[in-house]
């Protein structure tokens, strides 16, 4: 793992030297359960950042790219 971004009280994302971004959930298994692996970088993932509403995740890699990922289901419209 090379970087981490918090997405909520019990969820976070990690970026790795293996060119992946993984989303984790701490609620199900006391030590964290991997939920998704996101692939697309051709080099190590060096930085992660989440939007204020935690809906999007940005990852930056050694390959010189920045990728945007959906980090959570869309918010329900306000009533």
PDB file of N, CA and C in Angstrom:
ATOM      1  N   UNK A   1       0.847  -1.166   0.000  1.00  0.00           N
ATOM      2  CA  UNK A   1       0.000   0.000   0.000  1.00  0.00           C
ATOM      3  C   UNK A   1       0.896   1.234   0.000  1.00  0.00           C
ATOM      4  N   UNK A   2       0.505   2.225  -0.791  1.00  0.00           N
ATOM      5  CA  UNK A   2       1.285   3.452  -0.843  1.00  0.00           C
ATOM      6  C   UNK A   2       0.498   4.677  -0.396  1.00  0.00           C
ATOM      7  N   UNK A   3      -0.849   4.594  -0.354  1.00  0.00           N
ATOM      8  CA  UNK A   3      -1.659   5.736   0.076  1.00  0.00           C
ATOM      9  C   UNK A   3      -3.027   5.260   0.559  1.00  0.00           C
ATOM     10  N   UNK A   4      -3.713   6.152   1.276  1.00  0.00           N
ATOM     11  CA  UNK A   4      -4.997   5.812   1.890  1.00  0.00           C
ATOM     12  C   UNK A   4      -5.900   7.037   1.878  1.00  0.00           C
ATOM     13  N   UNK A   5      -7.212   6.825   1.694  1.00  0.00           N
ATOM     14  CA  UNK A   5      -8.202   7.902   1.789  1.00  0.00           C
ATOM     15  C   UNK A   5      -9.400   7.379   2.575  1.00  0.00           C
ATOM     16  N   UNK A   6      -9.850   8.143   3.541  1.00  0.00           N
ATOM     17  CA  UNK A   6     -11.029   7.766   4.321  1.00  0.00           C
ATOM     18  C   UNK A   6     -12.283   8.145   3.543  1.00  0.00           C
ATOM     19  N   UNK A   7     -13.237   7.217   3.513  1.00  0.00           N
ATOM     20  CA  UNK A   7     -14.481   7.442   2.780  1.00  0.00           C
ATOM     21  C   UNK A   7     -15.692   7.488   3.701  1.00  0.00           C
ATOM     22  N   UNK A   8     -15.522   7.215   4.951  1.00  0.00           N
ATOM     23  CA  UNK A   8     -16.615   7.195   5.913  1.00  0.00           C
ATOM     24  C   UNK A   8     -16.102   6.665   7.233  1.00  0.00           C
ATOM     25  N   UNK A   9     -17.015   6.472   8.151  1.00  0.00           N
ATOM     26  CA  UNK A   9     -16.630   5.988   9.476  1.00  0.00           C
ATOM     27  C   UNK A   9     -15.986   4.612   9.431  1.00  0.00           C
ATOM     28  N   UNK A  10     -16.433   3.767   8.533  1.00  0.00           N
ATOM     29  CA  UNK A  10     -15.927   2.398   8.499  1.00  0.00           C
ATOM     30  C   UNK A  10     -15.464   1.979   7.112  1.00  0.00           C
ATOM     31  N   UNK A  11     -15.266   2.926   6.198  1.00  0.00           N
ATOM     32  CA  UNK A  11     -14.816   2.585   4.855  1.00  0.00           C
ATOM     33  C   UNK A  11     -13.623   3.445   4.473  1.00  0.00           C
ATOM     34  N   UNK A  12     -12.728   2.846   3.707  1.00  0.00           N
ATOM     35  CA  UNK A  12     -11.563   3.574   3.236  1.00  0.00           C
ATOM     36  C   UNK A  12     -11.073   2.966   1.931  1.00  0.00           C
ATOM     37  N   UNK A  13     -10.210   3.688   1.246  1.00  0.00           N
ATOM     38  CA  UNK A  13      -9.614   3.223  -0.002  1.00  0.00           C
ATOM     39  C   UNK A  13      -8.103   3.216   0.166  1.00  0.00           C
ATOM     40  N   UNK A  14      -7.453   2.265  -0.493  1.00  0.00           N
ATOM     41  CA  UNK A  14      -5.998   2.209  -0.509  1.00  0.00           C
ATOM     42  C   UNK A  14      -5.518   2.198  -1.947  1.00  0.00           C
ATOM     43  N   UNK A  15      -4.401   2.855  -2.181  1.00  0.00           N
ATOM     44  CA  UNK A  15      -3.717   2.790  -3.465  1.00  0.00           C
ATOM     45  C   UNK A  15      -2.458   1.976  -3.272  1.00  0.00           C
ATOM     46  N   UNK A  16      -2.045   1.262  -4.313  1.00  0.00           N
ATOM     47  CA  UNK A  16      -0.969   0.302  -4.118  1.00  0.00           C
ATOM     48  C   UNK A  16       0.056   0.328  -5.242  1.00  0.00           C
ATOM     49  N   UNK A  17       1.212  -0.244  -4.918  1.00  0.00           N
ATOM     50  CA  UNK A  17       2.279  -0.400  -5.904  1.00  0.00           C
ATOM     51  C   UNK A  17       1.871  -1.374  -7.004  1.00  0.00           C
ATOM     52  N   UNK A  18       0.857  -2.211  -6.756  1.00  0.00           N
ATOM     53  CA  UNK A  18       0.428  -3.173  -7.779  1.00  0.00           C
ATOM     54  C   UNK A  18      -0.533  -2.550  -8.791  1.00  0.00           C
ATOM     55  N   UNK A  19      -0.660  -1.206  -8.795  1.00  0.00           N
ATOM     56  CA  UNK A  19      -1.449  -0.428  -9.765  1.00  0.00           C
ATOM     57  C   UNK A  19      -2.948  -0.490  -9.508  1.00  0.00           C
ATOM     58  N   UNK A  20      -3.372  -0.881  -8.319  1.00  0.00           N
ATOM     59  CA  UNK A  20      -4.795  -0.987  -8.012  1.00  0.00           C
ATOM     60  C   UNK A  20      -5.218  -0.003  -6.925  1.00  0.00           C
ATOM     61  N   UNK A  21      -6.519   0.270  -6.916  1.00  0.00           N
ATOM     62  CA  UNK A  21      -7.171   0.987  -5.825  1.00  0.00           C
ATOM     63  C   UNK A  21      -8.170   0.004  -5.243  1.00  0.00           C
ATOM     64  N   UNK A  22      -8.150  -0.153  -3.926  1.00  0.00           N
ATOM     65  CA  UNK A  22      -9.077  -1.092  -3.279  1.00  0.00           C
ATOM     66  C   UNK A  22      -9.955  -0.339  -2.293  1.00  0.00           C
ATOM     67  N   UNK A  23     -11.237  -0.715  -2.271  1.00  0.00           N
ATOM     68  CA  UNK A  23     -12.186  -0.165  -1.312  1.00  0.00           C
ATOM     69  C   UNK A  23     -12.416  -1.207  -0.229  1.00  0.00           C
ATOM     70  N   UNK A  24     -12.358  -0.749   1.028  1.00  0.00           N
ATOM     71  CA  UNK A  24     -12.427  -1.633   2.190  1.00  0.00           C
ATOM     72  C   UNK A  24     -13.572  -1.235   3.099  1.00  0.00           C
ATOM     73  N   UNK A  25     -14.110  -2.206   3.817  1.00  0.00           N
ATOM     74  CA  UNK A  25     -15.190  -1.988   4.781  1.00  0.00           C
ATOM     75  C   UNK A  25     -14.802  -2.653   6.098  1.00  0.00           C
ATOM     76  N   UNK A  26     -14.827  -1.893   7.176  1.00  0.00           N
ATOM     77  CA  UNK A  26     -14.468  -2.426   8.500  1.00  0.00           C
ATOM     78  C   UNK A  26     -15.654  -3.023   9.256  1.00  0.00           C
ATOM     79  N   UNK A  27     -16.860  -2.850   8.769  1.00  0.00           N
ATOM     80  CA  UNK A  27     -18.040  -3.278   9.533  1.00  0.00           C
ATOM     81  C   UNK A  27     -18.207  -4.786   9.592  1.00  0.00           C
ATOM     82  N   UNK A  28     -17.891  -5.492   8.516  1.00  0.00           N
ATOM     83  CA  UNK A  28     -18.210  -6.916   8.460  1.00  0.00           C
ATOM     84  C   UNK A  28     -17.220  -7.813   9.191  1.00  0.00           C
ATOM     85  N   UNK A  29     -15.955  -7.514   9.047  1.00  0.00           N
ATOM     86  CA  UNK A  29     -14.953  -8.379   9.689  1.00  0.00           C
ATOM     87  C   UNK A  29     -14.121  -7.476  10.577  1.00  0.00           C
ATOM     88  N   UNK A  30     -13.943  -7.525  11.735  1.00  0.00           N
ATOM     89  CA  UNK A  30     -13.298  -6.536  12.584  1.00  0.00           C
ATOM     90  C   UNK A  30     -12.014  -5.925  12.074  1.00  0.00           C
ATOM     91  N   UNK A  31     -11.359  -6.525  11.098  1.00  0.00           N
ATOM     92  CA  UNK A  31     -10.065  -6.028  10.627  1.00  0.00           C
ATOM     93  C   UNK A  31     -10.127  -5.486   9.210  1.00  0.00           C
ATOM     94  N   UNK A  32     -11.259  -5.494   8.580  1.00  0.00           N
ATOM     95  CA  UNK A  32     -11.409  -4.942   7.234  1.00  0.00           C
ATOM     96  C   UNK A  32     -11.609  -6.007   6.177  1.00  0.00           C
ATOM     97  N   UNK A  33     -12.598  -5.787   5.355  1.00  0.00           N
ATOM     98  CA  UNK A  33     -12.899  -6.708   4.271  1.00  0.00           C
ATOM     99  C   UNK A  33     -12.834  -5.939   2.965  1.00  0.00           C
ATOM    100  N   UNK A  34     -12.104  -6.476   2.008  1.00  0.00           N
ATOM    101  CA  UNK A  34     -12.007  -5.832   0.704  1.00  0.00           C
ATOM    102  C   UNK A  34     -13.341  -5.949  -0.026  1.00  0.00           C
ATOM    103  N   UNK A  35     -13.853  -4.828  -0.541  1.00  0.00           N
ATOM    104  CA  UNK A  35     -15.132  -4.817  -1.251  1.00  0.00           C
ATOM    105  C   UNK A  35     -14.955  -4.772  -2.759  1.00  0.00           C
ATOM    106  N   UNK A  36     -14.030  -3.942  -3.251  1.00  0.00           N
ATOM    107  CA  UNK A  36     -13.822  -3.782  -4.688  1.00  0.00           C
ATOM    108  C   UNK A  36     -12.348  -3.543  -4.960  1.00  0.00           C
ATOM    109  N   UNK A  37     -11.912  -3.978  -6.122  1.00  0.00           N
ATOM    110  CA  UNK A  37     -10.596  -3.617  -6.630  1.00  0.00           C
ATOM    111  C   UNK A  37     -10.804  -2.878  -7.938  1.00  0.00           C
ATOM    112  N   UNK A  38     -10.251  -1.681  -8.020  1.00  0.00           N
ATOM    113  CA  UNK A  38     -10.381  -0.842  -9.207  1.00  0.00           C
ATOM    114  C   UNK A  38      -9.060  -0.879  -9.961  1.00  0.00           C
ATOM    115  N   UNK A  39      -9.114  -1.175 -11.240  1.00  0.00           N
ATOM    116  CA  UNK A  39      -7.899  -1.239 -12.050  1.00  0.00           C
ATOM    117  C   UNK A  39      -7.990  -0.236 -13.188  1.00  0.00           C
ATOM    118  N   UNK A  40      -6.844   0.266 -13.605  1.00  0.00           N
ATOM    119  CA  UNK A  40      -6.811   1.218 -14.706  1.00  0.00           C
ATOM    120  C   UNK A  40      -5.474   1.927 -14.826  1.00  0.00           C
ATOM    121  N   UNK A  41      -4.738   2.046 -13.739  1.00  0.00           N
ATOM    122  CA  UNK A  41      -3.413   2.656 -13.798  1.00  0.00           C
ATOM    123  C   UNK A  41      -2.408   1.654 -14.364  1.00  0.00           C
ATOM    124  N   UNK A  42      -1.405   2.179 -15.068  1.00  0.00           N
ATOM    125  CA  UNK A  42      -0.348   1.309 -15.591  1.00  0.00           C
ATOM    126  C   UNK A  42       0.938   1.440 -14.782  1.00  0.00           C
ATOM    127  N   UNK A  43       0.876   2.207 -13.693  1.00  0.00           N
ATOM    128  CA  UNK A  43       1.988   2.341 -12.764  1.00  0.00           C
ATOM    129  C   UNK A  43       1.442   2.364 -11.350  1.00  0.00           C
ATOM    130  N   UNK A  44       2.309   2.371 -10.353  1.00  0.00           N
ATOM    131  CA  UNK A  44       1.858   2.402  -8.960  1.00  0.00           C
ATOM    132  C   UNK A  44       0.943   3.593  -8.685  1.00  0.00           C
ATOM    133  N   UNK A  45      -0.043   3.391  -7.814  1.00  0.00           N
ATOM    134  CA  UNK A  45      -0.939   4.470  -7.382  1.00  0.00           C
ATOM    135  C   UNK A  45      -0.233   5.195  -6.243  1.00  0.00           C
ATOM    136  N   UNK A  46      -0.035   6.509  -6.404  1.00  0.00           N
ATOM    137  CA  UNK A  46       0.758   7.266  -5.446  1.00  0.00           C
ATOM    138  C   UNK A  46      -0.060   8.189  -4.555  1.00  0.00           C
ATOM    139  N   UNK A  47      -1.299   8.542  -4.962  1.00  0.00           N
ATOM    140  CA  UNK A  47      -2.109   9.466  -4.154  1.00  0.00           C
ATOM    141  C   UNK A  47      -3.586   9.187  -4.361  1.00  0.00           C
ATOM    142  N   UNK A  48      -4.366   9.423  -3.301  1.00  0.00           N
ATOM    143  CA  UNK A  48      -5.819   9.282  -3.337  1.00  0.00           C
ATOM    144  C   UNK A  48      -6.439  10.491  -2.659  1.00  0.00           C
ATOM    145  N   UNK A  49      -7.606  10.888  -3.133  1.00  0.00           N
ATOM    146  CA  UNK A  49      -8.368  11.959  -2.490  1.00  0.00           C
ATOM    147  C   UNK A  49      -9.844  11.706  -2.743  1.00  0.00           C
ATOM    148  N   UNK A  50     -10.657  11.957  -1.731  1.00  0.00           N
ATOM    149  CA  UNK A  50     -12.116  11.794  -1.849  1.00  0.00           C
ATOM    150  C   UNK A  50     -12.770  13.165  -1.856  1.00  0.00           C
ATOM    151  N   UNK A  51     -13.884  13.292  -2.574  1.00  0.00           N
ATOM    152  CA  UNK A  51     -14.641  14.529  -2.547  1.00  0.00           C
ATOM    153  C   UNK A  51     -15.293  14.691  -1.177  1.00  0.00           C
ATOM    154  N   UNK A  52     -15.724  15.906  -0.866  1.00  0.00           N
ATOM    155  CA  UNK A  52     -16.309  16.193   0.449  1.00  0.00           C
ATOM    156  C   UNK A  52     -17.521  15.314   0.738  1.00  0.00           C
ATOM    157  N   UNK A  53     -18.322  15.000  -0.274  1.00  0.00           N
ATOM    158  CA  UNK A  53     -19.499  14.155  -0.052  1.00  0.00           C
ATOM    159  C   UNK A  53     -19.168  12.663  -0.157  1.00  0.00           C
ATOM    160  N   UNK A  54     -17.899  12.356  -0.389  1.00  0.00           N
ATOM    161  CA  UNK A  54     -17.386  10.978  -0.444  1.00  0.00           C
ATOM    162  C   UNK A  54     -18.014  10.139  -1.554  1.00  0.00           C
ATOM    163  N   UNK A  55     -18.521  10.792  -2.583  1.00  0.00           N
ATOM    164  CA  UNK A  55     -19.116  10.077  -3.700  1.00  0.00           C
ATOM    165  C   UNK A  55     -18.092   9.718  -4.769  1.00  0.00           C
ATOM    166  N   UNK A  56     -17.037  10.543  -4.897  1.00  0.00           N
ATOM    167  CA  UNK A  56     -16.005  10.310  -5.904  1.00  0.00           C
ATOM    168  C   UNK A  56     -14.641  10.172  -5.242  1.00  0.00           C
ATOM    169  N   UNK A  57     -13.808   9.384  -5.875  1.00  0.00           N
ATOM    170  CA  UNK A  57     -12.454   9.161  -5.420  1.00  0.00           C
ATOM    171  C   UNK A  57     -11.532   9.465  -6.595  1.00  0.00           C
ATOM    172  N   UNK A  58     -10.493  10.246  -6.372  1.00  0.00           N
ATOM    173  CA  UNK A  58      -9.486  10.521  -7.395  1.00  0.00           C
ATOM    174  C   UNK A  58      -8.217   9.776  -7.030  1.00  0.00           C
ATOM    175  N   UNK A  59      -7.600   9.158  -8.028  1.00  0.00           N
ATOM    176  CA  UNK A  59      -6.329   8.475  -7.807  1.00  0.00           C
ATOM    177  C   UNK A  59      -5.310   9.017  -8.808  1.00  0.00           C
ATOM    178  N   UNK A  60      -4.078   9.154  -8.349  1.00  0.00           N
ATOM    179  CA  UNK A  60      -2.991   9.609  -9.207  1.00  0.00           C
ATOM    180  C   UNK A  60      -1.911   8.542  -9.207  1.00  0.00           C
ATOM    181  N   UNK A  61      -1.394   8.255 -10.392  1.00  0.00           N
ATOM    182  CA  UNK A  61      -0.405   7.197 -10.497  1.00  0.00           C
ATOM    183  C   UNK A  61       0.911   7.660 -11.079  1.00  0.00           C
ATOM    184  N   UNK A  62       1.912   6.820 -10.920  1.00  0.00           N
ATOM    185  CA  UNK A  62       3.224   7.064 -11.518  1.00  0.00           C
ATOM    186  C   UNK A  62       3.155   7.102 -13.038  1.00  0.00           C
ATOM    187  N   UNK A  63       2.066   6.603 -13.608  1.00  0.00           N
ATOM    188  CA  UNK A  63       1.906   6.611 -15.057  1.00  0.00           C
ATOM    189  C   UNK A  63       1.539   8.005 -15.582  1.00  0.00           C
ATOM    190  N   UNK A  64       1.406   8.989 -14.682  1.00  0.00           N
ATOM    191  CA  UNK A  64       1.098  10.356 -15.086  1.00  0.00           C
ATOM    192  C   UNK A  64      -0.379  10.631 -15.281  1.00  0.00           C
ATOM    193  N   UNK A  65      -1.235   9.711 -14.843  1.00  0.00           N
ATOM    194  CA  UNK A  65      -2.672   9.905 -15.013  1.00  0.00           C
ATOM    195  C   UNK A  65      -3.357  10.131 -13.674  1.00  0.00           C
ATOM    196  N   UNK A  66      -4.498  10.803 -13.758  1.00  0.00           N
ATOM    197  CA  UNK A  66      -5.422  10.947 -12.627  1.00  0.00           C
ATOM    198  C   UNK A  66      -6.723  10.317 -13.072  1.00  0.00           C
ATOM    199  N   UNK A  67      -7.249   9.449 -12.255  1.00  0.00           N
ATOM    200  CA  UNK A  67      -8.503   8.763 -12.590  1.00  0.00           C
ATOM    201  C   UNK A  67      -9.559   9.093 -11.543  1.00  0.00           C
ATOM    202  N   UNK A  68     -10.799   9.221 -11.999  1.00  0.00           N
ATOM    203  CA  UNK A  68     -11.932   9.442 -11.103  1.00  0.00           C
ATOM    204  C   UNK A  68     -12.753   8.171 -11.040  1.00  0.00           C
ATOM    205  N   UNK A  69     -13.149   7.813  -9.822  1.00  0.00           N
ATOM    206  CA  UNK A  69     -13.915   6.588  -9.574  1.00  0.00           C
ATOM    207  C   UNK A  69     -15.137   6.926  -8.747  1.00  0.00           C
ATOM    208  N   UNK A  70     -16.215   6.217  -8.951  1.00  0.00           N
ATOM    209  CA  UNK A  70     -17.371   6.339  -8.068  1.00  0.00           C
ATOM    210  C   UNK A  70     -17.046   5.561  -6.803  1.00  0.00           C
ATOM    211  N   UNK A  71     -17.081   6.242  -5.663  1.00  0.00           N
ATOM    212  CA  UNK A  71     -16.698   5.628  -4.396  1.00  0.00           C
ATOM    213  C   UNK A  71     -17.897   5.117  -3.610  1.00  0.00           C
ATOM    214  N   UNK A  72     -19.091   5.557  -3.976  1.00  0.00           N
ATOM    215  CA  UNK A  72     -20.298   5.177  -3.237  1.00  0.00           C
ATOM    216  C   UNK A  72     -21.483   5.250  -4.190  1.00  0.00           C
ATOM    217  N   UNK A  73     -22.576   4.595  -3.838  1.00  0.00           N
ATOM    218  CA  UNK A  73     -23.777   4.721  -4.669  1.00  0.00           C
ATOM    219  C   UNK A  73     -24.229   6.175  -4.718  1.00  0.00           C
ATOM    220  N   UNK A  74     -24.886   6.589  -5.803  1.00  0.00           N
ATOM    221  CA  UNK A  74     -25.372   7.966  -5.884  1.00  0.00           C
ATOM    222  C   UNK A  74     -26.293   8.308  -4.723  1.00  0.00           C
ATOM    223  N   UNK A  75     -26.249   9.546  -4.292  1.00  0.00           N
ATOM    224  CA  UNK A  75     -27.135  10.011  -3.230  1.00  0.00           C
ATOM    225  C   UNK A  75     -28.569  10.071  -3.736  1.00  0.00           C
ATOM    226  N   UNK A  76     -29.521   9.760  -2.861  1.00  0.00           N
ATOM    227  CA  UNK A  76     -30.926   9.880  -3.226  1.00  0.00           C
ATOM    228  C   UNK A  76     -31.278  11.362  -3.352  1.00  0.00           C
ATOM    229  N   UNK A  77     -32.148  11.721  -4.291  1.00  0.00           N
ATOM    230  CA  UNK A  77     -32.532  13.119  -4.439  1.00  0.00           C
ATOM    231  C   UNK A  77     -33.228  13.620  -3.163  1.00  0.00           C
ATOM    232  N   UNK A  78     -33.009  14.881  -2.850  1.00  0.00           N
ATOM    233  CA  UNK A  78     -33.658  15.489  -1.682  1.00  0.00           C
ATOM    234  C   UNK A  78     -35.160  15.567  -1.917  1.00  0.00           C
ATOM    235  N   UNK A  79     -35.928  15.353  -0.852  1.00  0.00           N
ATOM    236  CA  UNK A  79     -37.390  15.391  -0.979  1.00  0.00           C
ATOM    237  C   UNK A  79     -37.914  16.732  -0.572  1.00  0.00           C
TER     238      UNK A  79
END
